[in-house]
Amino acid sequence: MGESLLSLRPVFRRWRRFIIHSLELNSKSEAGNHYVLLHGLGACAHSYASLMHVLCKTNCLITAPDMPAHGLSPCIKTPLCVLEAYCAVASVLRERISVDKS
């Protein structure tokens, strides 16, 4: 992993009772692709740092969110509903992608 983690931009967004952390890497000068990288159980957004640097060689925006209670997305103090957690990530991504298209 010869690329620096410094070019990855951490972003925190709130949806209801969740705070979702994402890593973003933007190499867009004009219209380009938007990639979303979703990790599995026990992983986090930082797992994709090397891949993000490879993908950024194209004209794109890359977003890698941490699922709730993973990586830098904090745990919540009340019982966690998995469906609600996925809705939180989906809502944050939808908001980010719609901002990117405007």
Protein backbone atom coordinates (compact mmCIF):
# COMPACT_ATOMS: atom_id res chain seq x y z
CA MET A 1 0.00 0.00 0.00
CA GLY A 2 2.37 2.66 -1.29
CA GLU A 3 -0.37 5.30 -1.55
CA SER A 4 -0.89 7.72 1.32
CA LEU A 5 -4.02 7.51 3.45
CA LEU A 6 -3.88 11.30 3.67
CA SER A 7 -5.71 11.73 0.36
CA LEU A 8 -8.71 9.82 1.74
CA ARG A 9 -11.23 12.28 3.15
CA PRO A 10 -13.16 11.19 6.27
CA VAL A 11 -16.80 12.30 6.28
CA PHE A 12 -19.33 11.97 9.12
CA ARG A 13 -23.05 12.25 8.36
CA ARG A 14 -26.02 11.87 10.68
CA TRP A 15 -29.23 9.96 9.93
CA ARG A 16 -31.72 9.76 12.79
CA ARG A 17 -29.86 8.20 15.73
CA PHE A 18 -26.89 7.04 13.63
CA ILE A 19 -23.65 8.75 12.73
CA ILE A 20 -22.16 7.17 9.62
CA HIS A 21 -18.46 7.57 8.87
CA SER A 22 -17.31 7.26 5.26
CA LEU A 23 -14.03 7.57 3.46
CA GLU A 24 -14.19 9.49 0.19
CA LEU A 25 -11.73 9.90 -2.61
CA ASN A 26 -12.55 12.28 -5.43
CA SER A 27 -10.66 12.40 -8.71
CA LYS A 28 -13.52 14.00 -10.66
CA SER A 29 -12.87 17.01 -12.77
CA GLU A 30 -16.24 16.73 -14.54
CA ALA A 31 -18.96 14.10 -14.76
CA GLY A 32 -17.69 10.64 -13.90
CA ASN A 33 -18.62 7.46 -12.11
CA HIS A 34 -19.48 7.19 -8.41
CA TYR A 35 -18.34 3.95 -6.81
CA VAL A 36 -19.67 2.75 -3.46
CA LEU A 37 -17.61 0.12 -1.63
CA LEU A 38 -19.45 -1.79 1.12
CA HIS A 39 -17.52 -3.90 3.60
CA GLY A 40 -18.57 -7.15 5.20
CA LEU A 41 -18.83 -8.28 8.80
CA GLY A 42 -15.78 -7.46 10.89
CA ALA A 43 -14.26 -5.07 8.33
CA CYS A 44 -14.37 -1.31 7.83
CA ALA A 45 -13.98 1.38 5.17
CA HIS A 46 -10.20 1.46 5.66
CA SER A 47 -10.11 -2.10 4.29
CA TYR A 48 -10.66 -0.54 0.87
CA ALA A 49 -7.92 2.13 0.99
CA SER A 50 -5.67 0.40 -1.57
CA LEU A 51 -8.56 -0.34 -3.93
CA MET A 52 -9.76 3.26 -3.66
CA HIS A 53 -6.35 4.52 -4.79
CA VAL A 54 -6.40 2.16 -7.78
CA LEU A 55 -9.94 3.17 -8.79
CA CYS A 56 -9.21 6.89 -8.43
CA LYS A 57 -6.97 6.76 -11.48
CA THR A 58 -10.20 7.06 -13.45
CA ASN A 59 -12.49 10.09 -13.32
CA CYS A 60 -14.64 9.14 -10.33
CA LEU A 61 -15.83 9.68 -6.79
CA ILE A 62 -15.43 6.75 -4.40
CA THR A 63 -17.35 6.40 -1.15
CA ALA A 64 -16.68 3.66 1.40
CA PRO A 65 -19.03 3.88 4.40
CA ASP A 66 -18.50 2.18 7.74
CA MET A 67 -21.58 0.27 8.81
CA PRO A 68 -22.91 1.28 12.25
CA ALA A 69 -20.64 -0.05 15.04
CA HIS A 70 -17.83 -0.73 12.52
CA GLY A 71 -14.71 1.30 11.89
CA LEU A 72 -15.32 4.92 12.92
CA SER A 73 -19.13 4.73 12.85
CA PRO A 74 -19.97 4.71 16.54
CA CYS A 75 -22.15 2.23 18.38
CA ILE A 76 -25.52 3.47 19.53
CA LYS A 77 -26.69 3.14 23.10
CA THR A 78 -30.05 1.53 22.33
CA PRO A 79 -30.70 -1.89 20.75
CA LEU A 80 -29.55 -1.99 17.15
CA CYS A 81 -32.03 -3.06 14.47
CA VAL A 82 -30.12 -4.38 11.46
CA LEU A 83 -32.71 -3.13 8.99
CA GLU A 84 -32.56 0.34 10.53
CA ALA A 85 -28.75 0.28 10.32
CA TYR A 86 -28.86 -0.57 6.61
CA CYS A 87 -31.47 2.17 6.08
CA ALA A 88 -29.11 4.65 7.77
CA VAL A 89 -26.25 3.78 5.41
CA ALA A 90 -28.53 3.75 2.35
CA SER A 91 -30.00 7.15 3.26
CA VAL A 92 -26.58 8.71 3.77
CA LEU A 93 -25.36 7.30 0.45
CA ARG A 94 -28.50 8.46 -1.38
CA GLU A 95 -28.04 11.95 0.02
CA ARG A 96 -24.35 11.98 -0.98
CA ILE A 97 -25.03 10.76 -4.50
CA SER A 98 -27.86 13.25 -5.07
CA VAL A 99 -25.59 16.11 -3.88
CA ASP A 100 -22.89 14.85 -6.24
CA LYS A 101 -25.26 14.89 -9.24
CA SER A 102 -26.43 18.47 -8.66
